[in-house]
Amino acid sequence: MHCIARSSYADLPPHFYALDSVAATARPVVARVNAAFCAELGIEAVAFGESLRRYLEPVADPPRPPTLAQAYAGHQFGQFVPSLGDGRAHLLGELVDAQGRRSDVQFKGSGRTFYSRGGDGRATLGAVLREYLLGECFHALGIPTTRGIAVLLTGERVPRGVSKPGAVLARVAASYVRVGTFQFYACRGDEDGVQRLADYAIARHDPDLVGTDDRYGAFLQRVMERQARLMAQWMSVGFIHGVMNTDNMAIAGETIDYGPCAFLDQYDAKKVFSSIDEHGRYAYGNQPNIAIWNLARLAETLLPLLAPEEPAAIERAHTVLAQFGPLYQAEYARLFGRKLGLLQATLVDLELISDLLALLSANGVDYTVFFRALCEVPVQGPRAVAVSALFADTAGFAAWVVRWQARLRVEPDATEGAARVMRASNPAYIARNHLVEAALLAAEVDDDWGPFDQLLAVLRSPFVERPEWARYSAAPSATEVVRQTYCGT
């Protein structure tokens, strides 16, 4: 097929995957191709979309190449499931860009596989469009993510309580190796499988470690560092993933599997949107804790590779994992410092940041609206009406502003320079929950793609304010607030 090379994952032993064919559909249609992403990869968009469509045709000419469903396990809401795997996804192969960087291209919603466990292997159009939108939103925000490269309609209906149009997402990732992939082999006592997977992941994501003496410990260190940075980025934009199971944590440090995810409206560290997160395990403020918990599960699988004797291996793992907290806090301080115009933020500034977030929570202030409005304060001064009006406790906010401006004066440029940094760090537009839901509903129920296309255009320019886009930056009204989100399976 056009541009898609054979998957290097197929070079691993046969028990790493199942050879499964994509389910043919009667009338596959290419609904959207991500032309900008194709250009980045050096791919001609229309031809690539057509090559993807041929995977779904009932009669393929030329014949479809083999596709893979990857095996993995995972802790789901803390409960270990030893056999999961790609139940509705097929790895098509690899894309290699002009710089030689290798990515995996995968279909999601493309039918049953060996790992389906009774599921139908399908995806609804709404679930596919949600992941496409969120991936583009994150990419524009500079947060590592898988990305949709095409949306294909299957021409079939999918039962999800009610009948909904079916679709397939073609998505691209640095790889789809997860913490749960390592767990699949470790829980079976397959130390050779763990080592083969680790060697594959190192060669793919950290090639400078190949052949080094402590490569497995160094690999754990790299994964930990990537996740610490990613968690700080999620927190900085008010993102709640909703299903941080170990099978949803990618070794490459990309955000993966946008299911019942959401963004904060009013700031609340305990906020949960996912309908299946009944006890708040994956609440907004708990995400860094879950990340280190997931990393500890990865470390457990690697113990036999870290040192010949278990006590030494455990000590090596502890040495790595103990660094997560300081690294996360430093990155958190850096990102939130930039949101406040501080280019030289340190851990000392965490108190200023924490006190601000407490004010937002106590006053029920919209997170994104506040930080974007705050961008004007360094220039307008502490009496900036647009910001003060957001607070019932105006005196409390004014007192905080005095402290903040005193801290700003330590920076090299406390006015225009700070405002520039803040405008580049505080998006005017995020994937607002109510706007996403409205766009998906219009496409899925009314076959009206206008709201989706307009929202996508806005999300691709999150830091550039335009008067005609005012409604996309506004907080939801009381009747628009989304209180719960749902998994697409």
Protein backbone atom coordinates (compact mmCIF):
# COMPACT_ATOMS: atom_id res chain seq x y z
CA MET A 1 0.00 0.00 0.00
CA HIS A 2 1.07 3.57 -0.66
CA CYS A 3 3.94 4.71 1.60
CA ILE A 4 3.30 2.12 4.32
CA ALA A 5 6.30 -0.09 4.95
CA ARG A 6 6.26 -3.49 6.62
CA SER A 7 6.03 -3.30 10.40
CA SER A 8 9.26 -4.01 12.25
CA TYR A 9 7.05 -5.38 15.04
CA ALA A 10 6.49 -8.40 12.82
CA ASP A 11 10.16 -9.32 13.36
CA LEU A 12 9.38 -10.14 16.99
CA PRO A 13 8.32 -13.71 17.92
CA PRO A 14 4.84 -14.79 16.80
CA HIS A 15 3.35 -14.69 20.31
CA PHE A 16 3.84 -10.89 20.36
CA TYR A 17 0.90 -10.39 18.02
CA ALA A 18 -1.86 -12.03 16.02
CA LEU A 19 -2.08 -11.83 12.25
CA ASP A 20 -5.59 -10.51 11.76
CA SER A 21 -7.23 -9.07 8.70
CA VAL A 22 -9.05 -5.75 8.67
CA ALA A 23 -12.79 -6.30 8.39
CA ALA A 24 -14.05 -5.48 4.90
CA THR A 25 -17.00 -3.12 4.58
CA ALA A 26 -19.46 -2.71 1.75
CA ARG A 27 -19.02 1.00 1.05
CA PRO A 28 -15.84 2.44 2.62
CA VAL A 29 -15.46 6.19 2.13
CA VAL A 30 -12.58 8.49 3.02
CA ALA A 31 -14.29 11.23 5.03
CA ARG A 32 -11.25 13.30 6.06
CA VAL A 33 -7.51 13.14 5.46
CA ASN A 34 -5.14 15.15 7.65
CA ALA A 35 -3.41 17.00 4.83
CA ALA A 36 -1.16 19.02 7.15
CA PHE A 37 0.08 15.86 8.88
CA CYS A 38 0.59 14.13 5.52
CA ALA A 39 2.72 17.08 4.40
CA GLU A 40 4.85 16.76 7.53
CA LEU A 41 5.41 13.10 6.70
CA GLY A 42 6.11 13.79 3.02
CA ILE A 43 2.97 11.94 1.89
CA GLU A 44 0.54 12.93 -0.84
CA ALA A 45 -2.72 13.17 1.07
CA VAL A 46 -5.31 12.11 -1.53
CA ALA A 47 -3.33 9.08 -2.67
CA PHE A 48 -2.67 8.06 0.91
CA GLY A 49 -6.34 8.29 1.81
CA GLU A 50 -7.20 6.12 -1.16
CA SER A 51 -4.61 3.53 -0.14
CA LEU A 52 -6.18 3.38 3.32
CA ARG A 53 -9.65 2.95 1.83
CA ARG A 54 -8.47 -0.10 -0.11
CA TYR A 55 -7.75 -1.90 3.16
CA LEU A 56 -11.49 -1.85 3.82
CA GLU A 57 -12.73 -2.91 0.38
CA PRO A 58 -14.49 -6.28 0.10
CA VAL A 59 -12.25 -7.26 -2.81
CA ALA A 60 -8.74 -5.86 -2.59
CA ASP A 61 -6.71 -5.32 -5.70
CA PRO A 62 -3.80 -5.56 -5.18
CA PRO A 63 -4.28 -7.94 -2.21
CA ARG A 64 -4.12 -6.40 1.25
CA PRO A 65 -0.83 -6.94 3.09
CA PRO A 66 -1.04 -8.70 6.46
CA THR A 67 -1.96 -6.59 9.47
CA LEU A 68 -1.16 -7.19 13.14
CA ALA A 69 -3.05 -6.97 16.42
CA GLN A 70 -0.62 -6.47 19.29
CA ALA A 71 -0.78 -8.44 22.54
CA TYR A 72 -0.72 -6.67 25.90
CA ALA A 73 -2.05 -6.93 29.44
CA GLY A 74 -2.85 -4.14 31.88
CA HIS A 75 -4.05 -2.83 35.20
CA GLN A 76 -7.53 -1.43 34.58
CA PHE A 77 -8.63 0.78 37.48
CA GLY A 78 -6.07 -1.03 39.62
CA GLN A 79 -7.21 -4.55 38.72
CA PHE A 80 -4.80 -6.64 36.68
CA VAL A 81 -6.08 -8.25 33.48
CA PRO A 82 -3.46 -10.64 32.07
CA SER A 83 -4.75 -10.74 28.50
CA LEU A 84 -6.06 -7.68 26.69
CA GLY A 85 -4.50 -6.78 23.33
CA ASP A 86 -5.79 -4.85 20.34
CA GLY A 87 -9.43 -5.85 20.33
CA ARG A 88 -10.45 -3.43 17.58
CA ALA A 89 -7.17 -2.18 16.12
CA HIS A 90 -4.88 -3.38 13.34
CA LEU A 91 -1.27 -2.29 12.87
CA LEU A 92 -0.90 -1.61 9.16
CA GLY A 93 2.82 -0.92 9.08
CA GLU A 94 5.26 1.95 9.36
CA LEU A 95 5.75 5.40 7.92
CA VAL A 96 9.24 6.88 7.60
CA ASP A 97 9.58 10.66 7.22
CA ALA A 98 12.31 12.63 5.46
CA GLN A 99 14.42 12.67 8.64
CA GLY A 100 14.26 8.89 8.91
CA ARG A 101 11.92 8.93 11.89
CA ARG A 102 9.76 5.83 12.06
CA SER A 103 6.08 5.84 13.07
CA ASP A 104 3.42 3.17 13.32
CA VAL A 105 0.17 3.59 11.42
CA GLN A 106 -2.81 1.75 12.85
CA PHE A 107 -6.49 1.34 12.12
CA LYS A 108 -8.82 1.68 15.11
CA GLY A 109 -12.38 0.37 14.82
CA SER A 110 -11.46 -1.94 11.97
CA GLY A 111 -13.10 -5.14 13.20
CA ARG A 112 -12.59 -8.09 15.48
CA THR A 113 -9.18 -9.57 16.26
CA PHE A 114 -7.84 -12.52 18.21
CA TYR A 115 -7.96 -10.28 21.31
CA SER A 116 -11.52 -8.97 20.96
CA ARG A 117 -12.92 -10.93 23.94
CA GLY A 118 -16.50 -10.76 22.73
CA GLY A 119 -16.41 -7.17 21.47
CA ASP A 120 -17.54 -6.26 17.97
CA GLY A 121 -14.25 -4.57 17.04
CA ARG A 122 -16.08 -1.53 15.67
CA ALA A 123 -15.97 2.18 16.43
CA THR A 124 -18.64 4.83 16.12
CA LEU A 125 -18.10 8.00 14.13
CA GLY A 126 -18.33 10.09 17.31
CA ALA A 127 -15.56 8.17 19.07
CA VAL A 128 -13.33 8.41 16.01
CA LEU A 129 -13.88 12.14 15.58
CA ARG A 130 -13.22 12.77 19.28
CA GLU A 131 -9.80 11.13 19.05
CA TYR A 132 -9.01 12.98 15.81
CA LEU A 133 -9.95 16.35 17.36
CA LEU A 134 -8.09 15.78 20.62
CA GLY A 135 -4.96 14.58 18.85
CA GLU A 136 -4.84 17.73 16.73
CA CYS A 137 -5.59 19.87 19.77
CA PHE A 138 -2.68 18.35 21.68
CA HIS A 139 -0.32 18.61 18.73
CA ALA A 140 -1.08 22.31 18.38
CA LEU A 141 -0.52 22.77 22.12
CA GLY A 142 2.90 21.13 21.79
CA ILE A 143 2.00 18.05 23.85
CA PRO A 144 3.25 14.64 22.60
CA THR A 145 0.35 12.66 21.18
CA THR A 146 -0.80 10.07 18.73
CA ARG A 147 -2.48 11.76 15.77
CA GLY A 148 -5.28 10.85 13.42
CA ILE A 149 -4.22 10.90 9.81
CA ALA A 150 -7.56 9.91 8.26
CA VAL A 151 -11.19 9.17 9.07
CA LEU A 152 -12.98 6.54 7.01
CA LEU A 153 -16.69 5.78 7.04
CA THR A 154 -17.61 2.11 6.91
CA GLY A 155 -21.16 2.55 5.64
CA GLU A 156 -22.38 0.32 8.46
CA ARG A 157 -24.25 0.96 11.70
CA VAL A 158 -22.75 0.13 15.08
CA PRO A 159 -24.98 -0.75 18.07
CA ARG A 160 -24.09 1.35 21.13
CA GLY A 161 -27.38 1.46 22.98
CA VAL A 162 -28.69 3.03 19.80
CA SER A 163 -27.47 2.46 16.28
CA LYS A 164 -24.70 4.84 15.24
CA PRO A 165 -22.67 5.28 12.04
CA GLY A 166 -19.48 3.26 11.99
CA ALA A 167 -16.05 4.67 11.23
CA VAL A 168 -12.37 3.79 11.29
CA LEU A 169 -9.59 6.04 12.51
CA ALA A 170 -6.18 5.78 10.88
CA ARG A 171 -3.84 7.02 13.59
CA VAL A 172 -0.08 7.42 13.84
CA ALA A 173 2.19 6.97 16.86
CA ALA A 174 5.89 6.76 17.57
CA SER A 175 4.91 3.20 18.52
CA TYR A 176 2.07 1.42 20.27
CA VAL A 177 4.26 -0.31 22.86
CA ARG A 178 2.70 0.24 26.28
CA VAL A 179 3.48 -0.52 29.90
CA GLY A 180 0.87 -3.24 29.52
CA THR A 181 2.83 -4.78 26.66
CA PHE A 182 5.68 -5.52 29.06
CA GLN A 183 3.21 -6.82 31.63
CA PHE A 184 1.85 -9.37 29.15
CA TYR A 185 5.15 -11.25 29.08
CA ALA A 186 6.21 -10.62 32.67
CA CYS A 187 3.02 -12.11 34.13
CA ARG A 188 3.66 -15.29 32.14
CA GLY A 189 7.20 -15.60 33.42
CA ASP A 190 8.49 -15.00 29.90
CA GLU A 191 11.75 -13.21 30.70
CA ASP A 192 12.99 -13.71 27.16
CA GLY A 193 9.86 -11.99 25.87
CA VAL A 194 10.38 -9.04 28.21
CA GLN A 195 14.01 -8.72 27.08
CA ARG A 196 13.13 -8.94 23.39
CA LEU A 197 10.47 -6.28 23.84
CA ALA A 198 12.83 -4.06 25.81
CA ASP A 199 15.52 -4.41 23.14
CA TYR A 200 12.96 -3.54 20.47
CA ALA A 201 11.71 -0.49 22.39
CA ILE A 202 15.24 0.73 23.08
CA ALA A 203 16.24 0.41 19.42
CA ARG A 204 13.05 2.21 18.42
CA HIS A 205 12.92 5.05 20.97
CA ASP A 206 16.35 5.32 22.59
CA PRO A 207 18.85 3.99 20.02
CA ASP A 208 21.79 5.66 21.75
CA LEU A 209 21.34 3.12 24.57
CA VAL A 210 21.75 0.06 22.33
CA GLY A 211 24.64 -2.07 23.52
CA THR A 212 25.38 -0.01 26.64
CA ASP A 213 25.97 -1.83 29.92
CA ASP A 214 23.05 -0.39 31.89
CA ARG A 215 20.69 -0.01 28.94
CA TYR A 216 17.60 -1.40 30.72
CA GLY A 217 17.99 0.85 33.74
CA ALA A 218 18.67 3.79 31.43
CA PHE A 219 15.60 2.86 29.38
CA LEU A 220 13.43 2.89 32.51
CA GLN A 221 14.92 6.30 33.29
CA ARG A 222 14.00 7.63 29.83
CA VAL A 223 10.43 6.35 30.04
CA MET A 224 10.09 7.89 33.49
CA GLU A 225 11.40 11.25 32.26
CA ARG A 226 9.01 11.27 29.31
CA GLN A 227 6.04 10.54 31.54
CA ALA A 228 7.04 13.17 34.12
CA ARG A 229 7.11 15.81 31.38
CA LEU A 230 3.85 14.58 29.88
CA MET A 231 2.02 14.70 33.22
CA ALA A 232 3.18 18.28 33.81
CA GLN A 233 1.92 19.22 30.34
CA TRP A 234 -1.48 17.62 30.97
CA MET A 235 -1.81 19.47 34.24
CA SER A 236 -0.77 22.78 32.73
CA VAL A 237 -3.65 22.76 30.23
CA GLY A 238 -6.24 21.28 32.61
CA PHE A 239 -6.56 17.93 30.84
CA ILE A 240 -8.11 14.82 32.39
CA HIS A 241 -7.36 11.59 30.53
CA GLY A 242 -9.98 9.53 32.34
CA VAL A 243 -8.55 6.02 31.81
CA MET A 244 -4.90 5.98 32.87
CA ASN A 245 -4.68 2.19 32.86
CA THR A 246 -1.25 0.70 32.33
CA ASP A 247 -2.32 -0.41 28.85
CA ASN A 248 -2.96 3.28 28.07
CA MET A 249 0.54 4.48 28.99
CA ALA A 250 2.81 4.56 25.94
CA ILE A 251 6.53 3.91 26.33
CA ALA A 252 7.21 6.70 23.82
CA GLY A 253 5.68 9.29 26.17
CA GLU A 254 2.79 10.20 23.87
CA THR A 255 -0.81 10.78 24.95
CA ILE A 256 -2.73 7.76 23.71
CA ASP A 257 -6.33 6.54 23.62
CA TYR A 258 -8.65 9.52 24.00
CA GLY A 259 -11.77 7.91 25.42
CA PRO A 260 -13.78 9.67 28.16
CA CYS A 261 -11.23 12.47 28.35
CA ALA A 262 -12.12 16.09 29.08
CA PHE A 263 -10.75 19.51 29.97
CA LEU A 264 -11.42 21.39 33.19
CA ASP A 265 -14.02 24.12 33.06
CA GLN A 266 -13.95 25.48 36.61
CA TYR A 267 -10.73 24.57 38.37
CA ASP A 268 -11.14 21.54 40.66
CA ALA A 269 -8.27 19.19 41.54
CA LYS A 270 -10.77 16.41 42.34
CA LYS A 271 -12.64 16.71 39.06
CA VAL A 272 -13.69 13.49 37.32
CA PHE A 273 -15.62 13.28 34.05
CA SER A 274 -15.37 9.61 33.07
CA SER A 275 -18.55 7.67 33.74
CA ILE A 276 -16.52 4.55 34.58
CA ASP A 277 -14.22 6.26 37.11
CA GLU A 278 -16.64 5.81 39.99
CA HIS A 279 -14.10 6.35 42.79
CA GLY A 280 -12.02 9.16 41.29
CA ARG A 281 -8.90 7.08 40.73
CA TYR A 282 -8.03 9.12 37.63
CA ALA A 283 -9.18 12.54 38.87
CA TYR A 284 -7.32 15.57 37.50
CA GLY A 285 -5.13 16.10 40.55
CA ASN A 286 -4.33 12.41 40.96
CA GLN A 287 -2.81 11.92 37.51
CA PRO A 288 0.86 12.37 38.53
CA ASN A 289 0.38 9.80 41.32
CA ILE A 290 -1.12 7.33 38.87
CA ALA A 291 1.75 7.92 36.45
CA ILE A 292 4.36 6.92 39.04
CA TRP A 293 2.18 3.93 40.05
CA ASN A 294 2.10 2.81 36.40
CA LEU A 295 5.86 3.31 36.09
CA ALA A 296 6.37 1.10 39.14
CA ARG A 297 4.47 -1.65 37.32
CA LEU A 298 6.84 -1.22 34.35
CA ALA A 299 9.84 -1.37 36.68
CA GLU A 300 8.55 -4.67 38.11
CA THR A 301 8.58 -6.24 34.65
CA LEU A 302 12.17 -5.10 34.05
CA LEU A 303 13.65 -6.32 37.37
CA PRO A 304 15.30 -9.42 35.87
CA LEU A 305 17.10 -7.16 33.38
CA LEU A 306 18.22 -4.47 35.83
CA ALA A 307 20.66 -6.59 37.83
CA PRO A 308 21.56 -10.28 38.33
CA GLU A 309 20.33 -10.29 41.94
CA GLU A 310 16.85 -9.10 42.93
CA PRO A 311 17.89 -6.75 45.77
CA ALA A 312 20.24 -4.88 43.43
CA ALA A 313 17.55 -4.78 40.73
CA ILE A 314 14.99 -3.36 43.17
CA GLU A 315 17.49 -0.74 44.33
CA ARG A 316 18.16 0.28 40.71
CA ALA A 317 14.42 0.60 40.05
CA HIS A 318 13.90 2.62 43.23
CA THR A 319 16.75 4.96 42.25
CA VAL A 320 15.02 5.70 38.95
CA LEU A 321 11.47 6.02 40.28
CA ALA A 322 12.56 8.27 43.14
CA GLN A 323 13.48 10.88 40.55
CA PHE A 324 9.94 11.16 39.18
CA GLY A 325 8.69 13.54 41.88
CA PRO A 326 11.52 16.09 41.60
CA LEU A 327 11.50 15.96 37.78
CA TYR A 328 7.74 16.36 37.64
CA GLN A 329 7.76 19.24 40.12
CA ALA A 330 10.53 21.04 38.24
CA GLU A 331 8.69 20.70 34.93
CA TYR A 332 5.39 21.68 36.58
CA ALA A 333 7.05 24.80 38.02
CA ARG A 334 8.57 25.64 34.63
CA LEU A 335 5.27 25.30 32.73
CA PHE A 336 3.12 27.08 35.30
CA GLY A 337 5.86 29.70 35.62
CA ARG A 338 5.51 30.42 31.91
CA LYS A 339 1.73 30.66 32.35
CA LEU A 340 2.53 33.45 34.82
CA GLY A 341 5.18 35.08 32.64
CA LEU A 342 8.12 33.69 34.64
CA LEU A 343 10.96 32.42 32.50
CA GLN A 344 13.09 31.68 35.55
CA ALA A 345 10.53 29.84 37.67
CA THR A 346 11.86 27.45 40.31
CA LEU A 347 10.41 25.23 43.02
CA VAL A 348 10.24 28.32 45.22
CA ASP A 349 7.44 29.58 42.97
CA LEU A 350 5.25 26.56 43.67
CA GLU A 351 3.70 28.30 46.67
CA LEU A 352 2.62 31.24 44.50
CA ILE A 353 1.17 28.82 41.96
CA SER A 354 -0.57 26.69 44.60
CA ASP A 355 -2.15 29.73 46.25
CA LEU A 356 -3.48 30.90 42.89
CA LEU A 357 -5.05 27.50 42.12
CA ALA A 358 -6.67 27.50 45.57
CA LEU A 359 -8.20 30.90 44.73
CA LEU A 360 -9.50 29.59 41.40
CA SER A 361 -11.05 26.59 43.14
CA ALA A 362 -12.66 28.59 45.94
CA ASN A 363 -14.14 31.09 43.48
CA GLY A 364 -15.28 28.58 40.85
CA VAL A 365 -13.21 30.30 38.16
CA ASP A 366 -12.91 28.84 34.67
CA TYR A 367 -9.33 27.61 34.30
CA THR A 368 -8.64 28.46 30.65
CA VAL A 369 -10.55 31.75 30.63
CA PHE A 370 -8.63 32.94 33.69
CA PHE A 371 -5.13 32.21 32.44
CA ARG A 372 -5.81 33.76 29.03
CA ALA A 373 -7.28 36.89 30.63
CA LEU A 374 -4.30 37.09 32.97
CA CYS A 375 -2.03 37.61 29.93
CA GLU A 376 -3.14 41.26 29.82
CA VAL A 377 -2.38 42.09 33.47
CA PRO A 378 1.38 42.66 33.11
CA VAL A 379 0.54 45.46 30.64
CA GLN A 380 -2.74 46.79 32.09
CA GLY A 381 -1.83 46.51 35.76
CA PRO A 382 -3.50 44.82 38.74
CA ARG A 383 -6.86 46.47 38.15
CA ALA A 384 -7.46 44.62 34.88
CA VAL A 385 -11.25 44.41 34.99
CA ALA A 386 -11.59 41.28 32.86
CA VAL A 387 -9.65 39.23 35.40
CA SER A 388 -10.86 40.70 38.69
CA ALA A 389 -14.48 40.27 37.60
CA LEU A 390 -13.98 36.50 37.54
CA PHE A 391 -13.62 36.41 41.33
CA ALA A 392 -16.17 36.80 44.10
CA ASP A 393 -13.23 37.27 46.47
CA THR A 394 -11.72 40.26 44.66
CA ALA A 395 -9.66 41.25 47.69
CA GLY A 396 -8.08 37.80 47.89
CA PHE A 397 -7.21 37.90 44.21
CA ALA A 398 -5.86 41.45 44.45
CA ALA A 399 -3.56 40.38 47.30
CA TRP A 400 -2.28 37.50 45.18
CA VAL A 401 -1.66 39.86 42.24
CA VAL A 402 0.53 42.06 44.44
CA ARG A 403 2.70 39.04 45.28
CA TRP A 404 2.79 37.93 41.65
CA GLN A 405 3.80 41.33 40.32
CA ALA A 406 6.53 41.58 42.93
CA ARG A 407 7.82 38.24 41.65
CA LEU A 408 7.49 39.42 38.04
CA ARG A 409 9.73 42.39 38.71
CA VAL A 410 12.61 39.99 39.33
CA GLU A 411 12.30 38.84 35.70
CA PRO A 412 14.28 40.63 32.95
CA ASP A 413 11.14 42.03 31.28
CA ALA A 414 8.12 42.22 33.57
CA THR A 415 5.66 43.87 31.17
CA GLU A 416 5.60 43.22 27.41
CA GLY A 417 8.05 40.33 27.69
CA ALA A 418 5.99 38.59 30.34
CA ALA A 419 2.80 39.14 28.35
CA ARG A 420 4.40 37.57 25.26
CA VAL A 421 5.48 34.50 27.23
CA MET A 422 2.03 34.17 28.75
CA ARG A 423 0.19 34.49 25.42
CA ALA A 424 2.39 31.70 24.04
CA SER A 425 1.75 29.50 27.09
CA ASN A 426 -1.95 30.03 27.83
CA PRO A 427 -4.21 28.85 25.00
CA ALA A 428 -7.24 30.89 24.12
CA TYR A 429 -8.86 27.75 22.73
CA ILE A 430 -8.97 24.19 24.00
CA ALA A 431 -11.22 21.28 23.07
CA ARG A 432 -14.06 22.57 25.23
CA ASN A 433 -16.19 19.64 26.32
CA HIS A 434 -19.50 21.16 25.23
CA LEU A 435 -18.14 22.23 21.84
CA VAL A 436 -16.68 18.78 21.21
CA GLU A 437 -19.95 17.08 22.13
CA ALA A 438 -21.94 19.43 19.89
CA ALA A 439 -19.61 18.88 16.92
CA LEU A 440 -19.71 15.10 17.30
CA LEU A 441 -23.49 15.06 17.65
CA ALA A 442 -23.94 17.17 14.50
CA ALA A 443 -21.71 14.87 12.44
CA GLU A 444 -23.06 11.62 13.87
CA VAL A 445 -26.79 12.40 13.94
CA ASP A 446 -27.33 15.06 11.28
CA ASP A 447 -24.40 14.31 8.95
CA ASP A 448 -23.43 17.95 9.42
CA TRP A 449 -19.63 18.23 9.48
CA GLY A 450 -19.55 22.03 9.64
CA PRO A 451 -19.20 22.29 13.45
CA PHE A 452 -16.46 19.64 13.44
CA ASP A 453 -14.45 21.32 10.68
CA GLN A 454 -14.76 24.76 12.29
CA LEU A 455 -13.75 23.48 15.73
CA LEU A 456 -10.80 21.63 14.20
CA ALA A 457 -9.62 24.84 12.51
CA VAL A 458 -9.82 26.71 15.83
CA LEU A 459 -7.97 24.02 17.77
CA ARG A 460 -5.11 24.08 15.28
CA SER A 461 -4.41 27.73 16.24
CA PRO A 462 -4.91 27.68 20.01
CA PHE A 463 -2.82 30.78 20.83
CA VAL A 464 -4.09 33.13 18.11
CA GLU A 465 -7.20 35.03 19.19
CA ARG A 466 -9.70 36.05 16.56
CA PRO A 467 -12.87 38.07 17.24
CA GLU A 468 -14.98 35.73 15.12
CA TRP A 469 -13.89 32.80 17.32
CA ALA A 470 -15.09 34.37 20.58
CA ARG A 471 -17.60 31.65 21.37
CA TYR A 472 -14.86 29.00 21.21
CA SER A 473 -12.96 30.66 24.06
CA ALA A 474 -15.97 31.28 26.31
CA ALA A 475 -16.76 29.13 29.32
CA PRO A 476 -19.90 27.01 28.90
CA SER A 477 -23.23 28.32 30.12
CA ALA A 478 -25.02 26.44 32.89
CA THR A 479 -27.04 24.49 30.33
CA GLU A 480 -23.97 23.66 28.21
CA VAL A 481 -21.79 22.16 30.96
CA VAL A 482 -20.77 18.55 30.27
CA ARG A 483 -20.80 16.65 33.55
CA GLN A 484 -19.90 13.17 32.35
CA THR A 485 -18.05 11.62 29.43
CA TYR A 486 -18.22 8.09 28.12
CA CYS A 487 -15.83 5.52 26.70
CA GLY A 488 -16.31 4.83 23.00
CA THR A 489 -16.29 1.04 23.28
